[in-house]
Amino acid sequence: MARESVKARDRKRRNLVAKYAAKRASLKKQGDYMALDKLPKNASPVRLRNRCSMTGRARGYIRKFGVSRLVFRKWALEGKLPGIRKASW
């Protein structure tokens, strides 16, 4: 499980990206890279990292469900994900 400070930093970055998205798009369209450089570095979507919504784990992230592989497995075994079941052959 990720530390709370890491999760908080990720939330802060996501808020900044959302706040500056329109401004960044317009500056890029105009080609004004000097003004684009003056925006906060954390406003760039490249700096985001996919993290599990439950634990904050960065690795083993399943994009379709928004959680890590560990949480996904737990939910699947508990039957909390409709249509998902353990394979057997």
PDB file of N, CA and C in Angstrom:
ATOM      1  N   MET A   1       0.845  -1.177   0.000  1.00  0.00           N
ATOM      2  CA  MET A   1       0.000   0.000   0.000  1.00  0.00           C
ATOM      3  C   MET A   1       0.892   1.244   0.000  1.00  0.00           C
ATOM      4  N   ALA A   2       0.549   2.199  -0.836  1.00  0.00           N
ATOM      5  CA  ALA A   2       1.325   3.418  -0.953  1.00  0.00           C
ATOM      6  C   ALA A   2       1.100   4.311   0.270  1.00  0.00           C
ATOM      7  N   ARG A   3       2.106   5.129   0.545  1.00  0.00           N
ATOM      8  CA  ARG A   3       1.964   6.065   1.654  1.00  0.00           C
ATOM      9  C   ARG A   3       0.908   7.108   1.312  1.00  0.00           C
ATOM     10  N   GLU A   4       0.328   7.680   2.342  1.00  0.00           N
ATOM     11  CA  GLU A   4      -0.712   8.692   2.140  1.00  0.00           C
ATOM     12  C   GLU A   4      -0.162   9.912   1.414  1.00  0.00           C
ATOM     13  N   SER A   5       1.103  10.247   1.654  1.00  0.00           N
ATOM     14  CA  SER A   5       1.688  11.412   0.995  1.00  0.00           C
ATOM     15  C   SER A   5       1.790  11.191  -0.515  1.00  0.00           C
ATOM     16  N   VAL A   6       2.057   9.960  -0.947  1.00  0.00           N
ATOM     17  CA  VAL A   6       2.147   9.644  -2.369  1.00  0.00           C
ATOM     18  C   VAL A   6       0.768   9.756  -3.010  1.00  0.00           C
ATOM     19  N   LYS A   7      -0.246   9.253  -2.317  1.00  0.00           N
ATOM     20  CA  LYS A   7      -1.610   9.348  -2.836  1.00  0.00           C
ATOM     21  C   LYS A   7      -2.067  10.806  -2.907  1.00  0.00           C
ATOM     22  N   ALA A   8      -1.712  11.588  -1.904  1.00  0.00           N
ATOM     23  CA  ALA A   8      -2.093  13.002  -1.887  1.00  0.00           C
ATOM     24  C   ALA A   8      -1.397  13.759  -3.018  1.00  0.00           C
ATOM     25  N   ARG A   9      -0.144  13.456  -3.270  1.00  0.00           N
ATOM     26  CA  ARG A   9       0.605  14.098  -4.345  1.00  0.00           C
ATOM     27  C   ARG A   9      -0.031  13.770  -5.704  1.00  0.00           C
ATOM     28  N   ASP A  10      -0.461  12.529  -5.860  1.00  0.00           N
ATOM     29  CA  ASP A  10      -1.103  12.119  -7.101  1.00  0.00           C
ATOM     30  C   ASP A  10      -2.430  12.855  -7.299  1.00  0.00           C
ATOM     31  N   ARG A  11      -3.219  12.983  -6.227  1.00  0.00           N
ATOM     32  CA  ARG A  11      -4.483  13.726  -6.319  1.00  0.00           C
ATOM     33  C   ARG A  11      -4.233  15.186  -6.695  1.00  0.00           C
ATOM     34  N   LYS A  12      -3.200  15.775  -6.109  1.00  0.00           N
ATOM     35  CA  LYS A  12      -2.869  17.171  -6.391  1.00  0.00           C
ATOM     36  C   LYS A  12      -2.487  17.351  -7.859  1.00  0.00           C
ATOM     37  N   ARG A  13      -1.696  16.417  -8.384  1.00  0.00           N
ATOM     38  CA  ARG A  13      -1.307  16.482  -9.796  1.00  0.00           C
ATOM     39  C   ARG A  13      -2.521  16.344 -10.701  1.00  0.00           C
ATOM     40  N   ARG A  14      -3.430  15.423 -10.371  1.00  0.00           N
ATOM     41  CA  ARG A  14      -4.616  15.225 -11.206  1.00  0.00           C
ATOM     42  C   ARG A  14      -5.489  16.481 -11.222  1.00  0.00           C
ATOM     43  N   ASN A  15      -5.603  17.156 -10.081  1.00  0.00           N
ATOM     44  CA  ASN A  15      -6.364  18.406 -10.025  1.00  0.00           C
ATOM     45  C   ASN A  15      -5.715  19.487 -10.875  1.00  0.00           C
ATOM     46  N   LEU A  16      -4.391  19.604 -10.830  1.00  0.00           N
ATOM     47  CA  LEU A  16      -3.683  20.608 -11.625  1.00  0.00           C
ATOM     48  C   LEU A  16      -3.826  20.331 -13.118  1.00  0.00           C
ATOM     49  N   VAL A  17      -3.742  19.066 -13.500  1.00  0.00           N
ATOM     50  CA  VAL A  17      -3.895  18.720 -14.919  1.00  0.00           C
ATOM     51  C   VAL A  17      -5.281  19.114 -15.408  1.00  0.00           C
ATOM     52  N   ALA A  18      -6.300  18.824 -14.606  1.00  0.00           N
ATOM     53  CA  ALA A  18      -7.666  19.181 -14.990  1.00  0.00           C
ATOM     54  C   ALA A  18      -7.849  20.695 -15.054  1.00  0.00           C
ATOM     55  N   LYS A  19      -7.230  21.411 -14.123  1.00  0.00           N
ATOM     56  CA  LYS A  19      -7.378  22.866 -14.057  1.00  0.00           C
ATOM     57  C   LYS A  19      -6.766  23.551 -15.279  1.00  0.00           C
ATOM     58  N   TYR A  20      -5.604  23.081 -15.710  1.00  0.00           N
ATOM     59  CA  TYR A  20      -4.876  23.740 -16.788  1.00  0.00           C
ATOM     60  C   TYR A  20      -5.062  23.075 -18.150  1.00  0.00           C
ATOM     61  N   ALA A  21      -5.927  22.093 -18.280  1.00  0.00           N
ATOM     62  CA  ALA A  21      -6.066  21.351 -19.541  1.00  0.00           C
ATOM     63  C   ALA A  21      -6.458  22.262 -20.702  1.00  0.00           C
ATOM     64  N   ALA A  22      -7.458  23.098 -20.511  1.00  0.00           N
ATOM     65  CA  ALA A  22      -7.921  23.974 -21.594  1.00  0.00           C
ATOM     66  C   ALA A  22      -6.857  25.001 -21.965  1.00  0.00           C
ATOM     67  N   LYS A  23      -6.205  25.559 -20.959  1.00  0.00           N
ATOM     68  CA  LYS A  23      -5.173  26.568 -21.205  1.00  0.00           C
ATOM     69  C   LYS A  23      -3.991  25.952 -21.951  1.00  0.00           C
ATOM     70  N   ARG A  24      -3.586  24.752 -21.544  1.00  0.00           N
ATOM     71  CA  ARG A  24      -2.475  24.069 -22.216  1.00  0.00           C
ATOM     72  C   ARG A  24      -2.823  23.779 -23.672  1.00  0.00           C
ATOM     73  N   ALA A  25      -4.057  23.336 -23.908  1.00  0.00           N
ATOM     74  CA  ALA A  25      -4.475  23.012 -25.273  1.00  0.00           C
ATOM     75  C   ALA A  25      -4.451  24.248 -26.167  1.00  0.00           C
ATOM     76  N   SER A  26      -4.935  25.366 -25.641  1.00  0.00           N
ATOM     77  CA  SER A  26      -4.956  26.590 -26.452  1.00  0.00           C
ATOM     78  C   SER A  26      -3.539  27.100 -26.723  1.00  0.00           C
ATOM     79  N   LEU A  27      -2.660  27.024 -25.727  1.00  0.00           N
ATOM     80  CA  LEU A  27      -1.283  27.470 -25.928  1.00  0.00           C
ATOM     81  C   LEU A  27      -0.547  26.580 -26.924  1.00  0.00           C
ATOM     82  N   LYS A  28      -0.822  25.283 -26.866  1.00  0.00           N
ATOM     83  CA  LYS A  28      -0.198  24.371 -27.825  1.00  0.00           C
ATOM     84  C   LYS A  28      -0.693  24.648 -29.241  1.00  0.00           C
ATOM     85  N   LYS A  29      -1.990  24.937 -29.370  1.00  0.00           N
ATOM     86  CA  LYS A  29      -2.562  25.217 -30.680  1.00  0.00           C
ATOM     87  C   LYS A  29      -1.959  26.489 -31.275  1.00  0.00           C
ATOM     88  N   GLN A  30      -1.717  27.484 -30.422  1.00  0.00           N
ATOM     89  CA  GLN A  30      -1.113  28.739 -30.872  1.00  0.00           C
ATOM     90  C   GLN A  30       0.378  28.584 -31.143  1.00  0.00           C
ATOM     91  N   GLY A  31       0.990  27.575 -30.541  1.00  0.00           N
ATOM     92  CA  GLY A  31       2.436  27.376 -30.692  1.00  0.00           C
ATOM     93  C   GLY A  31       3.242  28.262 -29.756  1.00  0.00           C
ATOM     94  N   ASP A  32       2.621  28.736 -28.692  1.00  0.00           N
ATOM     95  CA  ASP A  32       3.289  29.625 -27.729  1.00  0.00           C
ATOM     96  C   ASP A  32       3.969  28.781 -26.646  1.00  0.00           C
ATOM     97  N   TYR A  33       5.166  28.299 -26.968  1.00  0.00           N
ATOM     98  CA  TYR A  33       5.856  27.391 -26.054  1.00  0.00           C
ATOM     99  C   TYR A  33       6.527  28.116 -24.885  1.00  0.00           C
ATOM    100  N   MET A  34       6.762  29.399 -25.023  1.00  0.00           N
ATOM    101  CA  MET A  34       7.320  30.163 -23.908  1.00  0.00           C
ATOM    102  C   MET A  34       6.284  30.288 -22.788  1.00  0.00           C
ATOM    103  N   ALA A  35       5.047  30.573 -23.135  1.00  0.00           N
ATOM    104  CA  ALA A  35       3.982  30.675 -22.139  1.00  0.00           C
ATOM    105  C   ALA A  35       3.659  29.296 -21.570  1.00  0.00           C
ATOM    106  N   LEU A  36       3.766  28.268 -22.406  1.00  0.00           N
ATOM    107  CA  LEU A  36       3.512  26.903 -21.963  1.00  0.00           C
ATOM    108  C   LEU A  36       4.542  26.484 -20.928  1.00  0.00           C
ATOM    109  N   ASP A  37       5.761  26.963 -21.092  1.00  0.00           N
ATOM    110  CA  ASP A  37       6.842  26.637 -20.164  1.00  0.00           C
ATOM    111  C   ASP A  37       6.647  27.300 -18.804  1.00  0.00           C
ATOM    112  N   LYS A  38       5.893  28.387 -18.756  1.00  0.00           N
ATOM    113  CA  LYS A  38       5.665  29.110 -17.500  1.00  0.00           C
ATOM    114  C   LYS A  38       4.572  28.472 -16.629  1.00  0.00           C
ATOM    115  N   LEU A  39       3.798  27.541 -17.197  1.00  0.00           N
ATOM    116  CA  LEU A  39       2.779  26.838 -16.410  1.00  0.00           C
ATOM    117  C   LEU A  39       3.464  25.889 -15.431  1.00  0.00           C
ATOM    118  N   PRO A  40       2.773  25.499 -14.367  1.00  0.00           N
ATOM    119  CA  PRO A  40       3.371  24.557 -13.404  1.00  0.00           C
ATOM    120  C   PRO A  40       3.738  23.238 -14.080  1.00  0.00           C
ATOM    121  N   LYS A  41       4.856  22.666 -13.661  1.00  0.00           N
ATOM    122  CA  LYS A  41       5.312  21.408 -14.262  1.00  0.00           C
ATOM    123  C   LYS A  41       4.331  20.277 -14.000  1.00  0.00           C
ATOM    124  N   ASN A  42       3.684  20.293 -12.836  1.00  0.00           N
ATOM    125  CA  ASN A  42       2.733  19.234 -12.506  1.00  0.00           C
ATOM    126  C   ASN A  42       1.407  19.375 -13.254  1.00  0.00           C
ATOM    127  N   ALA A  43       1.267  20.411 -14.057  1.00  0.00           N
ATOM    128  CA  ALA A  43       0.060  20.573 -14.858  1.00  0.00           C
ATOM    129  C   ALA A  43       0.140  19.769 -16.150  1.00  0.00           C
ATOM    130  N   SER A  44       1.288  19.168 -16.404  1.00  0.00           N
ATOM    131  CA  SER A  44       1.462  18.361 -17.601  1.00  0.00           C
ATOM    132  C   SER A  44       0.911  16.949 -17.376  1.00  0.00           C
ATOM    133  N   PRO A  45       0.089  16.447 -18.305  1.00  0.00           N
ATOM    134  CA  PRO A  45      -0.475  15.103 -18.112  1.00  0.00           C
ATOM    135  C   PRO A  45       0.568  13.991 -18.176  1.00  0.00           C
ATOM    136  N   VAL A  46       1.749  14.294 -18.687  1.00  0.00           N
ATOM    137  CA  VAL A  46       2.812  13.292 -18.764  1.00  0.00           C
ATOM    138  C   VAL A  46       3.287  12.892 -17.368  1.00  0.00           C
ATOM    139  N   ARG A  47       3.128  13.774 -16.415  1.00  0.00           N
ATOM    140  CA  ARG A  47       3.620  13.505 -15.061  1.00  0.00           C
ATOM    141  C   ARG A  47       2.677  12.644 -14.221  1.00  0.00           C
ATOM    142  N   LEU A  48       1.513  12.300 -14.765  1.00  0.00           N
ATOM    143  CA  LEU A  48       0.571  11.446 -14.047  1.00  0.00           C
ATOM    144  C   LEU A  48       1.014   9.990 -14.108  1.00  0.00           C
ATOM    145  N   ARG A  49       0.674   9.250 -13.080  1.00  0.00           N
ATOM    146  CA  ARG A  49       0.978   7.822 -13.021  1.00  0.00           C
ATOM    147  C   ARG A  49      -0.321   7.112 -12.665  1.00  0.00           C
ATOM    148  N   ASN A  50      -0.641   6.052 -13.390  1.00  0.00           N
ATOM    149  CA  ASN A  50      -1.845   5.288 -13.065  1.00  0.00           C
ATOM    150  C   ASN A  50      -1.648   4.595 -11.722  1.00  0.00           C
ATOM    151  N   ARG A  51      -2.580   4.822 -10.811  1.00  0.00           N
ATOM    152  CA  ARG A  51      -2.507   4.223  -9.484  1.00  0.00           C
ATOM    153  C   ARG A  51      -3.834   3.572  -9.127  1.00  0.00           C
ATOM    154  N   CYS A  52      -3.754   2.522  -8.324  1.00  0.00           N
ATOM    155  CA  CYS A  52      -4.941   1.828  -7.846  1.00  0.00           C
ATOM    156  C   CYS A  52      -5.775   2.795  -7.008  1.00  0.00           C
ATOM    157  N   SER A  53      -7.077   2.796  -7.253  1.00  0.00           N
ATOM    158  CA  SER A  53      -7.949   3.709  -6.516  1.00  0.00           C
ATOM    159  C   SER A  53      -8.130   3.279  -5.064  1.00  0.00           C
ATOM    160  N   MET A  54      -7.880   2.018  -4.761  1.00  0.00           N
ATOM    161  CA  MET A  54      -8.056   1.528  -3.399  1.00  0.00           C
ATOM    162  C   MET A  54      -6.776   1.631  -2.576  1.00  0.00           C
ATOM    163  N   THR A  55      -5.667   1.157  -3.124  1.00  0.00           N
ATOM    164  CA  THR A  55      -4.434   1.058  -2.348  1.00  0.00           C
ATOM    165  C   THR A  55      -3.382   2.085  -2.729  1.00  0.00           C
ATOM    166  N   GLY A  56      -3.465   2.650  -3.918  1.00  0.00           N
ATOM    167  CA  GLY A  56      -2.460   3.594  -4.372  1.00  0.00           C
ATOM    168  C   GLY A  56      -1.279   2.916  -5.042  1.00  0.00           C
ATOM    169  N   ARG A  57      -1.343   1.608  -5.218  1.00  0.00           N
ATOM    170  CA  ARG A  57      -0.253   0.866  -5.842  1.00  0.00           C
ATOM    171  C   ARG A  57      -0.107   1.295  -7.304  1.00  0.00           C
ATOM    172  N   ALA A  58       1.145   1.511  -7.737  1.00  0.00           N
ATOM    173  CA  ALA A  58       1.407   2.007  -9.080  1.00  0.00           C
ATOM    174  C   ALA A  58       1.652   0.884 -10.083  1.00  0.00           C
ATOM    175  N   ARG A  59       2.132  -0.249  -9.625  1.00  0.00           N
ATOM    176  CA  ARG A  59       2.431  -1.345 -10.548  1.00  0.00           C
ATOM    177  C   ARG A  59       1.292  -2.354 -10.573  1.00  0.00           C
ATOM    178  N   GLY A  60       1.160  -3.046 -11.689  1.00  0.00           N
ATOM    179  CA  GLY A  60       0.107  -4.039 -11.811  1.00  0.00           C
ATOM    180  C   GLY A  60      -1.270  -3.408 -11.891  1.00  0.00           C
ATOM    181  N   TYR A  61      -1.365  -2.273 -12.547  1.00  0.00           N
ATOM    182  CA  TYR A  61      -2.608  -1.520 -12.644  1.00  0.00           C
ATOM    183  C   TYR A  61      -3.444  -2.050 -13.805  1.00  0.00           C
ATOM    184  N   ILE A  62      -4.703  -2.343 -13.559  1.00  0.00           N
ATOM    185  CA  ILE A  62      -5.621  -2.793 -14.606  1.00  0.00           C
ATOM    186  C   ILE A  62      -6.504  -1.608 -14.968  1.00  0.00           C
ATOM    187  N   ARG A  63      -6.267  -1.062 -16.142  1.00  0.00           N
ATOM    188  CA  ARG A  63      -6.897   0.191 -16.558  1.00  0.00           C
ATOM    189  C   ARG A  63      -8.421   0.098 -16.629  1.00  0.00           C
ATOM    190  N   LYS A  64      -8.927  -1.014 -17.115  1.00  0.00           N
ATOM    191  CA  LYS A  64     -10.380  -1.162 -17.299  1.00  0.00           C
ATOM    192  C   LYS A  64     -11.141  -1.048 -15.983  1.00  0.00           C
ATOM    193  N   PHE A  65     -10.546  -1.512 -14.899  1.00  0.00           N
ATOM    194  CA  PHE A  65     -11.208  -1.498 -13.598  1.00  0.00           C
ATOM    195  C   PHE A  65     -10.673  -0.410 -12.669  1.00  0.00           C
ATOM    196  N   GLY A  66      -9.514   0.154 -12.956  1.00  0.00           N
ATOM    197  CA  GLY A  66      -8.959   1.233 -12.148  1.00  0.00           C
ATOM    198  C   GLY A  66      -8.353   0.783 -10.833  1.00  0.00           C
ATOM    199  N   VAL A  67      -8.008  -0.512 -10.746  1.00  0.00           N
ATOM    200  CA  VAL A  67      -7.412  -1.035  -9.519  1.00  0.00           C
ATOM    201  C   VAL A  67      -6.188  -1.883  -9.866  1.00  0.00           C
ATOM    202  N   SER A  68      -5.415  -2.231  -8.842  1.00  0.00           N
ATOM    203  CA  SER A  68      -4.247  -3.068  -9.056  1.00  0.00           C
ATOM    204  C   SER A  68      -4.665  -4.526  -9.200  1.00  0.00           C
ATOM    205  N   ARG A  69      -3.730  -5.348  -9.624  1.00  0.00           N
ATOM    206  CA  ARG A  69      -4.014  -6.767  -9.840  1.00  0.00           C
ATOM    207  C   ARG A  69      -4.404  -7.467  -8.547  1.00  0.00           C
ATOM    208  N   LEU A  70      -3.867  -6.997  -7.430  1.00  0.00           N
ATOM    209  CA  LEU A  70      -4.163  -7.620  -6.147  1.00  0.00           C
ATOM    210  C   LEU A  70      -5.607  -7.367  -5.722  1.00  0.00           C
ATOM    211  N   VAL A  71      -6.038  -6.130  -5.857  1.00  0.00           N
ATOM    212  CA  VAL A  71      -7.423  -5.782  -5.512  1.00  0.00           C
ATOM    213  C   VAL A  71      -8.388  -6.441  -6.490  1.00  0.00           C
ATOM    214  N   PHE A  72      -7.998  -6.469  -7.778  1.00  0.00           N
ATOM    215  CA  PHE A  72      -8.832  -7.109  -8.787  1.00  0.00           C
ATOM    216  C   PHE A  72      -9.045  -8.582  -8.447  1.00  0.00           C
ATOM    217  N   ARG A  73      -7.983  -9.274  -8.077  1.00  0.00           N
ATOM    218  CA  ARG A  73      -8.086 -10.701  -7.741  1.00  0.00           C
ATOM    219  C   ARG A  73      -8.983 -10.915  -6.520  1.00  0.00           C
ATOM    220  N   LYS A  74      -8.802 -10.053  -5.520  1.00  0.00           N
ATOM    221  CA  LYS A  74      -9.606 -10.150  -4.300  1.00  0.00           C
ATOM    222  C   LYS A  74     -11.091  -9.974  -4.624  1.00  0.00           C
ATOM    223  N   TRP A  75     -11.406  -8.942  -5.394  1.00  0.00           N
ATOM    224  CA  TRP A  75     -12.798  -8.670  -5.764  1.00  0.00           C
ATOM    225  C   TRP A  75     -13.367  -9.801  -6.612  1.00  0.00           C
ATOM    226  N   ALA A  76     -12.564 -10.331  -7.527  1.00  0.00           N
ATOM    227  CA  ALA A  76     -13.046 -11.401  -8.406  1.00  0.00           C
ATOM    228  C   ALA A  76     -13.360 -12.653  -7.598  1.00  0.00           C
ATOM    229  N   LEU A  77     -12.516 -12.999  -6.629  1.00  0.00           N
ATOM    230  CA  LEU A  77     -12.751 -14.182  -5.820  1.00  0.00           C
ATOM    231  C   LEU A  77     -13.940 -14.008  -4.884  1.00  0.00           C
ATOM    232  N   GLU A  78     -14.195 -12.773  -4.475  1.00  0.00           N
ATOM    233  CA  GLU A  78     -15.347 -12.488  -3.614  1.00  0.00           C
ATOM    234  C   GLU A  78     -16.648 -12.365  -4.413  1.00  0.00           C
ATOM    235  N   GLY A  79     -16.537 -12.369  -5.752  1.00  0.00           N
ATOM    236  CA  GLY A  79     -17.722 -12.264  -6.598  1.00  0.00           C
ATOM    237  C   GLY A  79     -18.262 -10.858  -6.727  1.00  0.00           C
ATOM    238  N   LYS A  80     -17.424  -9.860  -6.495  1.00  0.00           N
ATOM    239  CA  LYS A  80     -17.883  -8.473  -6.565  1.00  0.00           C
ATOM    240  C   LYS A  80     -17.811  -7.886  -7.973  1.00  0.00           C
ATOM    241  N   LEU A  81     -17.199  -8.625  -8.906  1.00  0.00           N
ATOM    242  CA  LEU A  81     -17.109  -8.160 -10.287  1.00  0.00           C
ATOM    243  C   LEU A  81     -18.017  -9.029 -11.164  1.00  0.00           C
ATOM    244  N   PRO A  82     -19.115  -8.492 -11.643  1.00  0.00           N
ATOM    245  CA  PRO A  82     -20.029  -9.300 -12.446  1.00  0.00           C
ATOM    246  C   PRO A  82     -19.377  -9.734 -13.753  1.00  0.00           C
ATOM    247  N   GLY A  83     -19.563 -10.998 -14.087  1.00  0.00           N
ATOM    248  CA  GLY A  83     -19.032 -11.529 -15.328  1.00  0.00           C
ATOM    249  C   GLY A  83     -17.608 -12.027 -15.241  1.00  0.00           C
ATOM    250  N   ILE A  84     -16.963 -11.863 -14.096  1.00  0.00           N
ATOM    251  CA  ILE A  84     -15.577 -12.296 -13.927  1.00  0.00           C
ATOM    252  C   ILE A  84     -15.580 -13.518 -13.021  1.00  0.00           C
ATOM    253  N   ARG A  85     -14.909 -14.571 -13.490  1.00  0.00           N
ATOM    254  CA  ARG A  85     -14.755 -15.733 -12.633  1.00  0.00           C
ATOM    255  C   ARG A  85     -13.417 -16.387 -12.921  1.00  0.00           C
ATOM    256  N   LYS A  86     -12.968 -17.192 -12.008  1.00  0.00           N
ATOM    257  CA  LYS A  86     -11.672 -17.850 -12.123  1.00  0.00           C
ATOM    258  C   LYS A  86     -11.704 -18.877 -13.249  1.00  0.00           C
ATOM    259  N   ALA A  87     -10.643 -18.884 -14.022  1.00  0.00           N
ATOM    260  CA  ALA A  87     -10.579 -19.814 -15.150  1.00  0.00           C
ATOM    261  C   ALA A  87     -10.347 -21.238 -14.663  1.00  0.00           C
ATOM    262  N   SER A  88     -10.962 -22.190 -15.344  1.00  0.00           N
ATOM    263  CA  SER A  88     -10.699 -23.605 -15.057  1.00  0.00           C
ATOM    264  C   SER A  88     -10.908 -24.378 -16.350  1.00  0.00           C
ATOM    265  N   TRP A  89     -10.020 -25.307 -16.614  1.00  0.00           N
ATOM    266  CA  TRP A  89     -10.136 -26.143 -17.807  1.00  0.00           C
ATOM    267  C   TRP A  89      -9.591 -27.502 -17.585  1.00  0.00           C
TER     268      TRP A  89
END
